[in-house]
Amino acid sequence: MLEPSQSQVENKIYQPNWSAYYDAVVGRPPRETLLKALELFDGENSAAESPLAVDLGCGEGRDTIELLKRGWRVLGIDAQQEAISRLLSRPDITAERLETKVSGFEEVSLPESVDLVNASFSLPFCPPEYFPGLWQKIVASLRSGGRFCGQLLGERDSWSVYTSMNHHTPEQVEELLQPFEVEAFEEEEHPGKTALGQQKHWHLFQIVARKR
């Protein structure tokens, strides 16, 4: 992931350099949370023949491509036009099963009866005042038996100082997941690096959950 500048630290506003991020993650594999969710779907006899996923904050498409390869229909949503342009220019997309939309979290609309909402490291970038509404949209969009997979940041993450980002305590995450059966959950806290190779303290929650 990205690392804020000193001026952003002082202003408590995080404005990522998305172009540098997209360049840094080119060729990286899909996220483990997505792969776990897909494994769980594969084990169900009731899975739809051509299921629908929303890749929320799809970026340049590392997760979208995996979904398309496995026969899913995908709605890729990102606030950055550059992300969508990069995704659509990839030679490995299946265009007839891919729809894209440029939209920020504050005004995003989601379809009904979605099988999967994938949000790989994207939800923390939703401004805190819009996060409750966004989460309600995610829950409402999923069909019964549909899944959410993705990450949330904890209160001890080094990015929790930014007022433009959201973070959560374990108790708050537990409350958010009340409508779900939690199938995979891991709270991580450790020093590490961003995608650009800069030092960062991570406190995050890795989540795969099935809507009741």
N, C-alpha and C. Protein backbone atom coordinates (compact mmCIF):
# COMPACT_ATOMS: atom_id res chain seq x y z
N MET A 1 0.83 -1.20 0.00
CA MET A 1 0.00 0.00 0.00
C MET A 1 0.87 1.25 0.00
N LEU A 2 0.23 2.38 0.14
CA LEU A 2 0.90 3.65 -0.03
C LEU A 2 1.32 4.26 1.29
N GLU A 3 2.18 5.25 1.21
CA GLU A 3 2.67 5.92 2.42
C GLU A 3 2.44 7.42 2.29
N PRO A 4 1.77 8.07 3.26
CA PRO A 4 1.50 9.49 3.19
C PRO A 4 2.77 10.33 3.30
N SER A 5 2.69 11.53 2.77
CA SER A 5 3.79 12.48 2.90
C SER A 5 3.70 13.20 4.24
N GLN A 6 4.77 13.94 4.62
CA GLN A 6 4.77 14.65 5.89
C GLN A 6 3.67 15.70 5.93
N SER A 7 3.42 16.37 4.80
CA SER A 7 2.36 17.39 4.77
C SER A 7 0.99 16.77 5.00
N GLN A 8 0.80 15.55 4.50
CA GLN A 8 -0.47 14.87 4.74
C GLN A 8 -0.61 14.49 6.20
N VAL A 9 0.49 14.10 6.83
CA VAL A 9 0.46 13.79 8.26
C VAL A 9 0.00 15.00 9.04
N GLU A 10 0.57 16.15 8.73
CA GLU A 10 0.25 17.37 9.46
C GLU A 10 -1.20 17.78 9.25
N ASN A 11 -1.73 17.57 8.04
CA ASN A 11 -3.09 17.97 7.74
C ASN A 11 -4.11 16.89 8.07
N LYS A 12 -3.64 15.70 8.44
CA LYS A 12 -4.49 14.58 8.77
C LYS A 12 -5.36 14.13 7.58
N ILE A 13 -4.93 14.45 6.38
CA ILE A 13 -5.64 14.05 5.17
C ILE A 13 -4.68 13.21 4.34
N TYR A 14 -5.15 12.04 3.95
CA TYR A 14 -4.32 11.14 3.17
C TYR A 14 -4.74 11.21 1.70
N GLN A 15 -3.84 11.67 0.85
CA GLN A 15 -4.11 11.76 -0.58
C GLN A 15 -3.09 10.87 -1.31
N PRO A 16 -3.45 9.63 -1.58
CA PRO A 16 -2.50 8.67 -2.12
C PRO A 16 -2.04 9.01 -3.53
N ASN A 17 -0.85 8.57 -3.86
CA ASN A 17 -0.35 8.61 -5.23
C ASN A 17 -0.74 7.28 -5.88
N TRP A 18 -1.94 7.26 -6.45
CA TRP A 18 -2.45 6.00 -6.97
C TRP A 18 -1.65 5.49 -8.15
N SER A 19 -1.16 6.38 -8.98
CA SER A 19 -0.37 5.92 -10.14
C SER A 19 0.84 5.12 -9.70
N ALA A 20 1.54 5.62 -8.68
CA ALA A 20 2.70 4.91 -8.17
C ALA A 20 2.30 3.56 -7.57
N TYR A 21 1.15 3.53 -6.90
CA TYR A 21 0.67 2.28 -6.33
C TYR A 21 0.36 1.26 -7.41
N TYR A 22 -0.37 1.69 -8.45
CA TYR A 22 -0.71 0.76 -9.53
C TYR A 22 0.56 0.20 -10.18
N ASP A 23 1.54 1.04 -10.37
CA ASP A 23 2.80 0.57 -10.95
C ASP A 23 3.47 -0.46 -10.05
N ALA A 24 3.38 -0.24 -8.73
CA ALA A 24 4.08 -1.10 -7.78
C ALA A 24 3.46 -2.49 -7.66
N VAL A 25 2.16 -2.61 -7.93
CA VAL A 25 1.49 -3.90 -7.72
C VAL A 25 1.23 -4.66 -9.01
N VAL A 26 1.71 -4.18 -10.12
CA VAL A 26 1.52 -4.88 -11.39
C VAL A 26 2.03 -6.31 -11.27
N GLY A 27 1.20 -7.25 -11.66
CA GLY A 27 1.60 -8.65 -11.67
C GLY A 27 1.44 -9.38 -10.35
N ARG A 28 1.00 -8.70 -9.31
CA ARG A 28 0.83 -9.38 -8.03
C ARG A 28 -0.40 -10.29 -8.06
N PRO A 29 -0.39 -11.38 -7.29
CA PRO A 29 -1.50 -12.34 -7.31
C PRO A 29 -2.72 -11.80 -6.59
N PRO A 30 -3.87 -12.46 -6.76
CA PRO A 30 -5.08 -12.03 -6.04
C PRO A 30 -4.90 -12.18 -4.54
N ARG A 31 -5.70 -11.45 -3.79
CA ARG A 31 -5.62 -11.46 -2.34
C ARG A 31 -6.07 -12.81 -1.77
N GLU A 32 -5.47 -13.17 -0.64
CA GLU A 32 -5.79 -14.44 0.00
C GLU A 32 -7.24 -14.49 0.47
N THR A 33 -7.79 -13.36 0.90
CA THR A 33 -9.19 -13.35 1.34
C THR A 33 -10.12 -13.69 0.17
N LEU A 34 -9.82 -13.17 -1.01
CA LEU A 34 -10.63 -13.52 -2.18
C LEU A 34 -10.50 -15.00 -2.50
N LEU A 35 -9.30 -15.52 -2.49
CA LEU A 35 -9.11 -16.94 -2.80
C LEU A 35 -9.84 -17.83 -1.81
N LYS A 36 -9.85 -17.44 -0.54
CA LYS A 36 -10.58 -18.21 0.46
C LYS A 36 -12.07 -18.18 0.18
N ALA A 37 -12.61 -17.01 -0.13
CA ALA A 37 -14.04 -16.91 -0.45
C ALA A 37 -14.40 -17.76 -1.66
N LEU A 38 -13.56 -17.74 -2.68
CA LEU A 38 -13.82 -18.54 -3.88
C LEU A 38 -13.75 -20.03 -3.58
N GLU A 39 -12.84 -20.42 -2.72
CA GLU A 39 -12.74 -21.82 -2.30
C GLU A 39 -14.04 -22.26 -1.62
N LEU A 40 -14.59 -21.38 -0.79
CA LEU A 40 -15.84 -21.71 -0.11
C LEU A 40 -17.00 -21.82 -1.09
N PHE A 41 -17.06 -20.92 -2.06
CA PHE A 41 -18.10 -21.02 -3.09
C PHE A 41 -17.96 -22.32 -3.88
N ASP A 42 -16.73 -22.68 -4.20
CA ASP A 42 -16.50 -23.89 -4.99
C ASP A 42 -16.99 -25.14 -4.25
N GLY A 43 -17.01 -25.08 -2.92
CA GLY A 43 -17.45 -26.22 -2.13
C GLY A 43 -18.95 -26.32 -1.96
N GLU A 44 -19.69 -25.37 -2.54
CA GLU A 44 -21.14 -25.35 -2.41
C GLU A 44 -21.79 -25.82 -3.70
N ASN A 45 -22.73 -26.72 -3.59
CA ASN A 45 -23.45 -27.20 -4.77
C ASN A 45 -24.46 -26.18 -5.27
N SER A 46 -24.80 -25.20 -4.40
CA SER A 46 -25.84 -24.22 -4.75
C SER A 46 -25.30 -23.00 -5.48
N ALA A 47 -23.99 -22.98 -5.77
CA ALA A 47 -23.41 -21.81 -6.43
C ALA A 47 -24.04 -21.58 -7.79
N ALA A 48 -24.29 -20.32 -8.13
CA ALA A 48 -24.89 -19.97 -9.41
C ALA A 48 -23.94 -20.32 -10.54
N GLU A 49 -24.52 -20.56 -11.73
CA GLU A 49 -23.69 -20.93 -12.89
C GLU A 49 -22.79 -19.78 -13.31
N SER A 50 -23.30 -18.56 -13.26
CA SER A 50 -22.50 -17.38 -13.59
C SER A 50 -22.71 -16.34 -12.50
N PRO A 51 -22.09 -16.53 -11.33
CA PRO A 51 -22.34 -15.65 -10.19
C PRO A 51 -21.82 -14.24 -10.41
N LEU A 52 -22.35 -13.31 -9.61
CA LEU A 52 -22.02 -11.90 -9.75
C LEU A 52 -21.20 -11.42 -8.56
N ALA A 53 -20.08 -10.79 -8.84
CA ALA A 53 -19.24 -10.19 -7.81
C ALA A 53 -19.11 -8.70 -8.05
N VAL A 54 -19.07 -7.94 -6.96
CA VAL A 54 -18.69 -6.53 -7.00
C VAL A 54 -17.28 -6.44 -6.44
N ASP A 55 -16.35 -5.93 -7.25
CA ASP A 55 -14.98 -5.69 -6.78
C ASP A 55 -14.90 -4.21 -6.43
N LEU A 56 -15.02 -3.93 -5.13
CA LEU A 56 -15.18 -2.57 -4.64
C LEU A 56 -13.80 -1.97 -4.34
N GLY A 57 -13.40 -1.01 -5.16
CA GLY A 57 -12.03 -0.52 -5.11
C GLY A 57 -11.14 -1.47 -5.89
N CYS A 58 -11.52 -1.73 -7.14
CA CYS A 58 -10.90 -2.79 -7.93
C CYS A 58 -9.47 -2.48 -8.35
N GLY A 59 -9.08 -1.20 -8.33
CA GLY A 59 -7.72 -0.86 -8.74
C GLY A 59 -7.45 -1.31 -10.16
N GLU A 60 -6.22 -1.78 -10.40
CA GLU A 60 -5.84 -2.19 -11.75
C GLU A 60 -6.32 -3.59 -12.09
N GLY A 61 -6.93 -4.30 -11.11
CA GLY A 61 -7.65 -5.52 -11.45
C GLY A 61 -7.08 -6.84 -11.00
N ARG A 62 -6.20 -6.86 -10.02
CA ARG A 62 -5.59 -8.14 -9.61
C ARG A 62 -6.63 -9.15 -9.13
N ASP A 63 -7.69 -8.69 -8.47
CA ASP A 63 -8.75 -9.59 -8.02
C ASP A 63 -9.82 -9.77 -9.10
N THR A 64 -10.12 -8.72 -9.82
CA THR A 64 -11.12 -8.80 -10.89
C THR A 64 -10.74 -9.87 -11.90
N ILE A 65 -9.47 -9.91 -12.29
CA ILE A 65 -9.01 -10.87 -13.29
C ILE A 65 -9.21 -12.29 -12.80
N GLU A 66 -8.93 -12.55 -11.53
CA GLU A 66 -9.11 -13.89 -10.98
C GLU A 66 -10.57 -14.31 -11.03
N LEU A 67 -11.46 -13.39 -10.70
CA LEU A 67 -12.89 -13.68 -10.75
C LEU A 67 -13.33 -14.00 -12.18
N LEU A 68 -12.89 -13.21 -13.13
CA LEU A 68 -13.24 -13.45 -14.53
C LEU A 68 -12.72 -14.80 -15.01
N LYS A 69 -11.51 -15.14 -14.62
CA LYS A 69 -10.94 -16.43 -15.02
C LYS A 69 -11.77 -17.60 -14.54
N ARG A 70 -12.45 -17.41 -13.41
CA ARG A 70 -13.24 -18.49 -12.81
C ARG A 70 -14.70 -18.45 -13.24
N GLY A 71 -15.02 -17.62 -14.23
CA GLY A 71 -16.36 -17.62 -14.79
C GLY A 71 -17.35 -16.68 -14.14
N TRP A 72 -16.88 -15.82 -13.25
CA TRP A 72 -17.77 -14.86 -12.59
C TRP A 72 -18.06 -13.68 -13.50
N ARG A 73 -19.25 -13.11 -13.32
CA ARG A 73 -19.53 -11.77 -13.83
C ARG A 73 -19.06 -10.77 -12.78
N VAL A 74 -18.44 -9.67 -13.21
CA VAL A 74 -17.84 -8.74 -12.26
C VAL A 74 -18.25 -7.30 -12.56
N LEU A 75 -18.64 -6.60 -11.53
CA LEU A 75 -18.79 -5.15 -11.58
C LEU A 75 -17.60 -4.57 -10.83
N GLY A 76 -16.67 -3.97 -11.55
CA GLY A 76 -15.50 -3.36 -10.95
C GLY A 76 -15.74 -1.88 -10.71
N ILE A 77 -15.61 -1.46 -9.46
CA ILE A 77 -15.88 -0.07 -9.08
C ILE A 77 -14.63 0.53 -8.47
N ASP A 78 -14.29 1.73 -8.91
CA ASP A 78 -13.15 2.44 -8.31
C ASP A 78 -13.38 3.93 -8.47
N ALA A 79 -12.89 4.70 -7.51
CA ALA A 79 -13.03 6.16 -7.57
C ALA A 79 -12.08 6.79 -8.58
N GLN A 80 -11.06 6.04 -8.99
CA GLN A 80 -10.03 6.60 -9.88
C GLN A 80 -10.27 6.15 -11.32
N GLN A 81 -10.45 7.11 -12.21
CA GLN A 81 -10.59 6.77 -13.62
C GLN A 81 -9.37 6.02 -14.13
N GLU A 82 -8.20 6.37 -13.61
CA GLU A 82 -6.98 5.68 -14.04
C GLU A 82 -7.04 4.19 -13.74
N ALA A 83 -7.61 3.83 -12.60
CA ALA A 83 -7.73 2.42 -12.25
C ALA A 83 -8.59 1.68 -13.27
N ILE A 84 -9.73 2.25 -13.59
CA ILE A 84 -10.63 1.61 -14.56
C ILE A 84 -9.97 1.55 -15.93
N SER A 85 -9.28 2.60 -16.33
CA SER A 85 -8.61 2.60 -17.62
C SER A 85 -7.54 1.51 -17.68
N ARG A 86 -6.80 1.36 -16.60
CA ARG A 86 -5.78 0.31 -16.57
C ARG A 86 -6.41 -1.08 -16.62
N LEU A 87 -7.50 -1.26 -15.90
CA LEU A 87 -8.19 -2.54 -15.92
C LEU A 87 -8.68 -2.88 -17.33
N LEU A 88 -9.32 -1.93 -17.97
CA LEU A 88 -9.89 -2.18 -19.30
C LEU A 88 -8.82 -2.37 -20.38
N SER A 89 -7.62 -1.90 -20.11
CA SER A 89 -6.55 -2.06 -21.10
C SER A 89 -5.79 -3.38 -20.93
N ARG A 90 -6.11 -4.15 -19.89
CA ARG A 90 -5.42 -5.41 -19.68
C ARG A 90 -5.77 -6.41 -20.78
N PRO A 91 -4.80 -7.18 -21.25
CA PRO A 91 -5.08 -8.15 -22.31
C PRO A 91 -5.79 -9.40 -21.80
N ASP A 92 -5.85 -9.60 -20.47
CA ASP A 92 -6.40 -10.84 -19.93
C ASP A 92 -7.82 -10.69 -19.38
N ILE A 93 -8.52 -9.60 -19.71
CA ILE A 93 -9.90 -9.46 -19.25
C ILE A 93 -10.86 -10.20 -20.17
N THR A 94 -11.99 -10.61 -19.60
CA THR A 94 -13.09 -11.18 -20.37
C THR A 94 -14.17 -10.11 -20.44
N ALA A 95 -14.15 -9.33 -21.49
CA ALA A 95 -14.93 -8.09 -21.54
C ALA A 95 -16.42 -8.32 -21.44
N GLU A 96 -16.92 -9.44 -21.97
CA GLU A 96 -18.37 -9.65 -21.98
C GLU A 96 -18.93 -9.93 -20.59
N ARG A 97 -18.08 -10.26 -19.64
CA ARG A 97 -18.54 -10.50 -18.27
C ARG A 97 -18.09 -9.43 -17.30
N LEU A 98 -17.55 -8.33 -17.83
CA LEU A 98 -17.05 -7.25 -16.98
C LEU A 98 -17.80 -5.96 -17.24
N GLU A 99 -18.27 -5.38 -16.15
CA GLU A 99 -18.84 -4.03 -16.18
C GLU A 99 -18.02 -3.17 -15.23
N THR A 100 -17.82 -1.92 -15.57
CA THR A 100 -17.02 -1.04 -14.71
C THR A 100 -17.78 0.24 -14.40
N LYS A 101 -17.39 0.85 -13.30
CA LYS A 101 -18.03 2.09 -12.88
C LYS A 101 -17.00 2.93 -12.11
N VAL A 102 -16.94 4.21 -12.42
CA VAL A 102 -16.11 5.15 -11.65
C VAL A 102 -17.01 5.79 -10.61
N SER A 103 -16.71 5.55 -9.33
CA SER A 103 -17.55 6.08 -8.26
C SER A 103 -16.78 6.08 -6.96
N GLY A 104 -16.93 7.15 -6.20
CA GLY A 104 -16.38 7.20 -4.85
C GLY A 104 -17.29 6.49 -3.87
N PHE A 105 -16.76 6.19 -2.69
CA PHE A 105 -17.54 5.48 -1.69
C PHE A 105 -18.75 6.29 -1.22
N GLU A 106 -18.63 7.61 -1.23
CA GLU A 106 -19.70 8.42 -0.65
C GLU A 106 -20.98 8.39 -1.48
N GLU A 107 -20.88 8.08 -2.79
CA GLU A 107 -22.09 8.08 -3.62
C GLU A 107 -22.31 6.76 -4.34
N VAL A 108 -21.53 5.73 -4.02
CA VAL A 108 -21.61 4.47 -4.76
C VAL A 108 -22.98 3.81 -4.59
N SER A 109 -23.46 3.21 -5.67
CA SER A 109 -24.67 2.39 -5.62
C SER A 109 -24.30 0.97 -6.02
N LEU A 110 -24.90 0.00 -5.35
CA LEU A 110 -24.58 -1.40 -5.59
C LEU A 110 -25.82 -2.14 -6.07
N PRO A 111 -25.64 -3.14 -6.94
CA PRO A 111 -26.79 -3.91 -7.42
C PRO A 111 -27.36 -4.80 -6.31
N GLU A 112 -28.50 -5.39 -6.59
CA GLU A 112 -29.14 -6.29 -5.64
C GLU A 112 -28.73 -7.74 -5.92
N SER A 113 -28.90 -8.58 -4.91
CA SER A 113 -28.68 -10.03 -5.04
C SER A 113 -27.29 -10.38 -5.53
N VAL A 114 -26.29 -9.69 -4.99
CA VAL A 114 -24.90 -9.95 -5.34
C VAL A 114 -24.41 -11.19 -4.59
N ASP A 115 -23.61 -12.01 -5.26
CA ASP A 115 -23.07 -13.21 -4.64
C ASP A 115 -21.84 -12.91 -3.79
N LEU A 116 -21.04 -11.92 -4.20
CA LEU A 116 -19.80 -11.62 -3.50
C LEU A 116 -19.49 -10.14 -3.60
N VAL A 117 -19.16 -9.52 -2.47
CA VAL A 117 -18.56 -8.19 -2.46
C VAL A 117 -17.12 -8.35 -1.99
N ASN A 118 -16.20 -8.04 -2.86
CA ASN A 118 -14.78 -8.12 -2.56
C ASN A 118 -14.25 -6.70 -2.39
N ALA A 119 -13.60 -6.45 -1.26
CA ALA A 119 -13.06 -5.10 -0.98
C ALA A 119 -11.65 -5.26 -0.41
N SER A 120 -10.69 -5.46 -1.30
CA SER A 120 -9.32 -5.73 -0.88
C SER A 120 -8.58 -4.43 -0.54
N PHE A 121 -8.41 -4.18 0.75
CA PHE A 121 -7.69 -3.01 1.26
C PHE A 121 -8.26 -1.69 0.73
N SER A 122 -9.55 -1.67 0.39
CA SER A 122 -10.15 -0.44 -0.13
C SER A 122 -11.01 0.28 0.88
N LEU A 123 -11.73 -0.45 1.74
CA LEU A 123 -12.69 0.20 2.65
C LEU A 123 -12.07 1.22 3.59
N PRO A 124 -10.82 1.05 4.07
CA PRO A 124 -10.25 2.08 4.95
C PRO A 124 -10.16 3.46 4.31
N PHE A 125 -10.22 3.54 2.99
CA PHE A 125 -10.13 4.83 2.32
C PHE A 125 -11.48 5.55 2.22
N CYS A 126 -12.52 4.92 2.73
CA CYS A 126 -13.82 5.59 2.78
C CYS A 126 -13.79 6.61 3.92
N PRO A 127 -14.14 7.88 3.67
CA PRO A 127 -14.19 8.86 4.77
C PRO A 127 -15.09 8.35 5.89
N PRO A 128 -14.69 8.53 7.14
CA PRO A 128 -15.43 7.95 8.27
C PRO A 128 -16.91 8.30 8.29
N GLU A 129 -17.26 9.52 7.88
CA GLU A 129 -18.66 9.91 7.94
C GLU A 129 -19.53 9.14 6.95
N TYR A 130 -18.92 8.55 5.92
CA TYR A 130 -19.68 7.80 4.93
C TYR A 130 -19.61 6.30 5.15
N PHE A 131 -18.74 5.85 6.05
CA PHE A 131 -18.56 4.41 6.19
C PHE A 131 -19.82 3.68 6.65
N PRO A 132 -20.57 4.16 7.66
CA PRO A 132 -21.77 3.42 8.07
C PRO A 132 -22.75 3.20 6.91
N GLY A 133 -22.95 4.22 6.10
CA GLY A 133 -23.85 4.07 4.96
C GLY A 133 -23.30 3.10 3.93
N LEU A 134 -22.01 3.15 3.70
CA LEU A 134 -21.38 2.22 2.75
C LEU A 134 -21.54 0.79 3.23
N TRP A 135 -21.29 0.55 4.51
CA TRP A 135 -21.42 -0.81 5.03
C TRP A 135 -22.85 -1.32 4.92
N GLN A 136 -23.81 -0.45 5.18
CA GLN A 136 -25.22 -0.83 5.03
C GLN A 136 -25.52 -1.22 3.58
N LYS A 137 -24.95 -0.49 2.63
CA LYS A 137 -25.15 -0.82 1.21
C LYS A 137 -24.55 -2.18 0.88
N ILE A 138 -23.37 -2.47 1.43
CA ILE A 138 -22.73 -3.76 1.17
C ILE A 138 -23.60 -4.90 1.69
N VAL A 139 -24.05 -4.77 2.93
CA VAL A 139 -24.88 -5.82 3.53
C VAL A 139 -26.17 -6.00 2.75
N ALA A 140 -26.82 -4.89 2.38
CA ALA A 140 -28.10 -4.95 1.67
C ALA A 140 -27.95 -5.54 0.27
N SER A 141 -26.81 -5.32 -0.37
CA SER A 141 -26.63 -5.78 -1.75
C SER A 141 -26.44 -7.29 -1.83
N LEU A 142 -25.93 -7.91 -0.77
CA LEU A 142 -25.65 -9.34 -0.80
C LEU A 142 -26.92 -10.17 -0.63
N ARG A 143 -27.04 -11.20 -1.42
CA ARG A 143 -28.12 -12.17 -1.22
C ARG A 143 -27.84 -12.99 0.04
N SER A 144 -28.85 -13.63 0.57
CA SER A 144 -28.63 -14.57 1.66
C SER A 144 -27.71 -15.68 1.17
N GLY A 145 -26.62 -15.92 1.88
CA GLY A 145 -25.62 -16.88 1.43
C GLY A 145 -24.51 -16.26 0.62
N GLY A 146 -24.64 -14.98 0.29
CA GLY A 146 -23.56 -14.27 -0.38
C GLY A 146 -22.45 -13.95 0.60
N ARG A 147 -21.31 -13.55 0.08
CA ARG A 147 -20.15 -13.35 0.94
C ARG A 147 -19.53 -11.96 0.77
N PHE A 148 -18.93 -11.53 1.88
CA PHE A 148 -18.04 -10.37 1.87
C PHE A 148 -16.64 -10.87 2.16
N CYS A 149 -15.66 -10.33 1.43
CA CYS A 149 -14.26 -10.59 1.79
C CYS A 149 -13.46 -9.31 1.61
N GLY A 150 -12.54 -9.09 2.54
CA GLY A 150 -11.74 -7.88 2.48
C GLY A 150 -11.07 -7.60 3.80
N GLN A 151 -10.66 -6.35 3.97
CA GLN A 151 -9.89 -5.94 5.15
C GLN A 151 -10.45 -4.66 5.74
N LEU A 152 -10.31 -4.53 7.06
CA LEU A 152 -10.54 -3.29 7.77
C LEU A 152 -9.30 -2.99 8.60
N LEU A 153 -9.02 -1.72 8.84
CA LEU A 153 -7.87 -1.34 9.64
C LEU A 153 -8.28 -1.16 11.10
N GLY A 154 -7.36 -1.54 12.01
CA GLY A 154 -7.58 -1.39 13.44
C GLY A 154 -7.13 -0.04 13.95
N GLU A 155 -7.47 0.23 15.21
CA GLU A 155 -7.21 1.56 15.78
C GLU A 155 -5.73 1.80 16.06
N ARG A 156 -4.92 0.75 16.06
CA ARG A 156 -3.48 0.93 16.31
C ARG A 156 -2.67 0.94 15.01
N ASP A 157 -3.33 0.89 13.90
CA ASP A 157 -2.63 1.02 12.61
C ASP A 157 -2.03 2.41 12.50
N SER A 158 -0.88 2.53 11.87
CA SER A 158 -0.22 3.83 11.80
C SER A 158 -1.00 4.83 10.95
N TRP A 159 -1.94 4.35 10.13
CA TRP A 159 -2.76 5.27 9.35
C TRP A 159 -3.99 5.76 10.11
N SER A 160 -4.18 5.30 11.33
CA SER A 160 -5.38 5.70 12.07
C SER A 160 -5.36 7.18 12.46
N VAL A 161 -4.22 7.84 12.29
CA VAL A 161 -4.15 9.28 12.60
C VAL A 161 -4.83 10.12 11.54
N TYR A 162 -5.15 9.55 10.39
CA TYR A 162 -5.70 10.34 9.29
C TYR A 162 -7.21 10.44 9.40
N THR A 163 -7.70 11.66 9.48
CA THR A 163 -9.13 11.89 9.62
C THR A 163 -9.89 11.55 8.35
N SER A 164 -9.20 11.40 7.24
CA SER A 164 -9.85 11.06 5.98
C SER A 164 -10.04 9.56 5.81
N MET A 165 -9.51 8.76 6.75
CA MET A 165 -9.62 7.31 6.67
C MET A 165 -10.40 6.79 7.88
N ASN A 166 -10.93 5.57 7.77
CA ASN A 166 -11.66 4.98 8.89
C ASN A 166 -10.88 3.81 9.48
N HIS A 167 -11.09 3.55 10.76
CA HIS A 167 -10.46 2.44 11.45
C HIS A 167 -11.42 1.96 12.53
N HIS A 168 -11.16 0.75 13.07
CA HIS A 168 -12.14 0.12 13.95
C HIS A 168 -11.45 -0.65 15.08
N THR A 169 -12.14 -0.73 16.20
CA THR A 169 -11.73 -1.61 17.29
C THR A 169 -12.24 -3.02 16.99
N PRO A 170 -11.69 -4.04 17.66
CA PRO A 170 -12.22 -5.39 17.47
C PRO A 170 -13.72 -5.48 17.79
N GLU A 171 -14.14 -4.76 18.80
CA GLU A 171 -15.56 -4.78 19.17
C GLU A 171 -16.43 -4.18 18.06
N GLN A 172 -15.94 -3.11 17.44
CA GLN A 172 -16.69 -2.51 16.34
C GLN A 172 -16.77 -3.44 15.14
N VAL A 173 -15.68 -4.14 14.86
CA VAL A 173 -15.69 -5.10 13.75
C VAL A 173 -16.68 -6.22 14.04
N GLU A 174 -16.69 -6.69 15.27
CA GLU A 174 -17.65 -7.74 15.65
C GLU A 174 -19.08 -7.28 15.43
N GLU A 175 -19.36 -6.03 15.75
CA GLU A 175 -20.70 -5.48 15.54
C GLU A 175 -21.03 -5.40 14.05
N LEU A 176 -20.09 -4.97 13.25
CA LEU A 176 -20.31 -4.89 11.80
C LEU A 176 -20.64 -6.25 11.20
N LEU A 177 -20.08 -7.30 11.77
CA LEU A 177 -20.23 -8.64 11.20
C LEU A 177 -21.43 -9.40 11.76
N GLN A 178 -22.29 -8.74 12.51
CA GLN A 178 -23.47 -9.39 13.07
C GLN A 178 -24.37 -10.02 12.01
N PRO A 179 -24.54 -9.42 10.83
CA PRO A 179 -25.41 -10.04 9.83
C PRO A 179 -24.77 -11.25 9.13
N PHE A 180 -23.57 -11.61 9.53
CA PHE A 180 -22.81 -12.63 8.82
C PHE A 180 -22.44 -13.81 9.72
N GLU A 181 -22.20 -14.94 9.07
CA GLU A 181 -21.48 -16.06 9.67
C GLU A 181 -20.01 -15.88 9.28
N VAL A 182 -19.16 -15.67 10.24
CA VAL A 182 -17.75 -15.42 9.95
C VAL A 182 -17.05 -16.74 9.64
N GLU A 183 -16.49 -16.84 8.46
CA GLU A 183 -15.87 -18.09 8.00
C GLU A 183 -14.34 -18.05 8.10
N ALA A 184 -13.78 -16.89 8.00
CA ALA A 184 -12.33 -16.73 8.18
C ALA A 184 -12.09 -15.34 8.74
N PHE A 185 -11.30 -15.27 9.81
CA PHE A 185 -11.06 -13.98 10.46
C PHE A 185 -9.69 -14.02 11.10
N GLU A 186 -8.92 -12.99 10.86
CA GLU A 186 -7.61 -12.89 11.48
C GLU A 186 -7.30 -11.43 11.79
N GLU A 187 -6.98 -11.17 13.04
CA GLU A 187 -6.51 -9.85 13.44
C GLU A 187 -4.98 -9.87 13.42
N GLU A 188 -4.40 -8.97 12.65
CA GLU A 188 -2.94 -8.91 12.52
C GLU A 188 -2.43 -7.59 13.09
N GLU A 189 -1.29 -7.65 13.73
CA GLU A 189 -0.61 -6.43 14.16
C GLU A 189 0.88 -6.68 14.12
N HIS A 190 1.56 -5.93 13.30
CA HIS A 190 2.99 -6.15 13.11
C HIS A 190 3.61 -5.00 12.31
N PRO A 191 4.90 -4.78 12.45
CA PRO A 191 5.58 -3.84 11.57
C PRO A 191 5.68 -4.43 10.17
N GLY A 192 5.69 -3.57 9.18
CA GLY A 192 5.78 -4.06 7.81
C GLY A 192 6.10 -2.93 6.86
N LYS A 193 5.76 -3.15 5.60
CA LYS A 193 6.02 -2.16 4.57
C LYS A 193 4.78 -1.98 3.70
N THR A 194 4.71 -0.83 3.06
CA THR A 194 3.67 -0.58 2.09
C THR A 194 4.09 -1.19 0.75
N ALA A 195 3.18 -1.14 -0.23
CA ALA A 195 3.51 -1.64 -1.56
C ALA A 195 4.66 -0.86 -2.19
N LEU A 196 4.87 0.36 -1.72
CA LEU A 196 5.97 1.18 -2.24
C LEU A 196 7.25 0.98 -1.44
N GLY A 197 7.23 0.04 -0.50
CA GLY A 197 8.44 -0.31 0.22
C GLY A 197 8.75 0.55 1.42
N GLN A 198 7.79 1.34 1.88
CA GLN A 198 8.02 2.22 3.02
C GLN A 198 7.53 1.56 4.31
N GLN A 199 8.19 1.89 5.42
CA GLN A 199 7.88 1.28 6.70
C GLN A 199 6.49 1.70 7.18
N LYS A 200 5.81 0.76 7.82
CA LYS A 200 4.45 1.02 8.31
C LYS A 200 4.11 0.03 9.42
N HIS A 201 3.34 0.48 10.41
CA HIS A 201 2.82 -0.44 11.43
C HIS A 201 1.41 -0.85 11.01
N TRP A 202 1.22 -2.14 10.83
CA TRP A 202 -0.08 -2.66 10.40
C TRP A 202 -0.89 -3.15 11.60
N HIS A 203 -2.14 -2.77 11.62
CA HIS A 203 -3.13 -3.37 12.51
C HIS A 203 -4.38 -3.53 11.67
N LEU A 204 -4.69 -4.76 11.30
CA LEU A 204 -5.78 -4.96 10.37
C LEU A 204 -6.54 -6.25 10.66
N PHE A 205 -7.72 -6.32 10.05
CA PHE A 205 -8.59 -7.48 10.19
C PHE A 205 -8.82 -8.07 8.80
N GLN A 206 -8.46 -9.33 8.64
CA GLN A 206 -8.69 -10.07 7.40
C GLN A 206 -10.01 -10.83 7.56
N ILE A 207 -10.94 -10.65 6.62
CA ILE A 207 -12.31 -11.12 6.83
C ILE A 207 -12.84 -11.86 5.61
N VAL A 208 -13.46 -13.01 5.86
CA VAL A 208 -14.34 -13.68 4.90
C VAL A 208 -15.59 -14.06 5.68
N ALA A 209 -16.76 -13.62 5.21
CA ALA A 209 -17.98 -13.83 5.97
C ALA A 209 -19.16 -14.07 5.04
N ARG A 210 -20.06 -14.94 5.45
CA ARG A 210 -21.24 -15.34 4.66
C ARG A 210 -22.49 -14.72 5.26
N LYS A 211 -23.26 -14.04 4.45
CA LYS A 211 -24.47 -13.39 4.95
C LYS A 211 -25.50 -14.43 5.35
N ARG A 212 -26.08 -14.22 6.52
CA ARG A 212 -27.07 -15.17 7.05
C ARG A 212 -28.36 -15.15 6.22
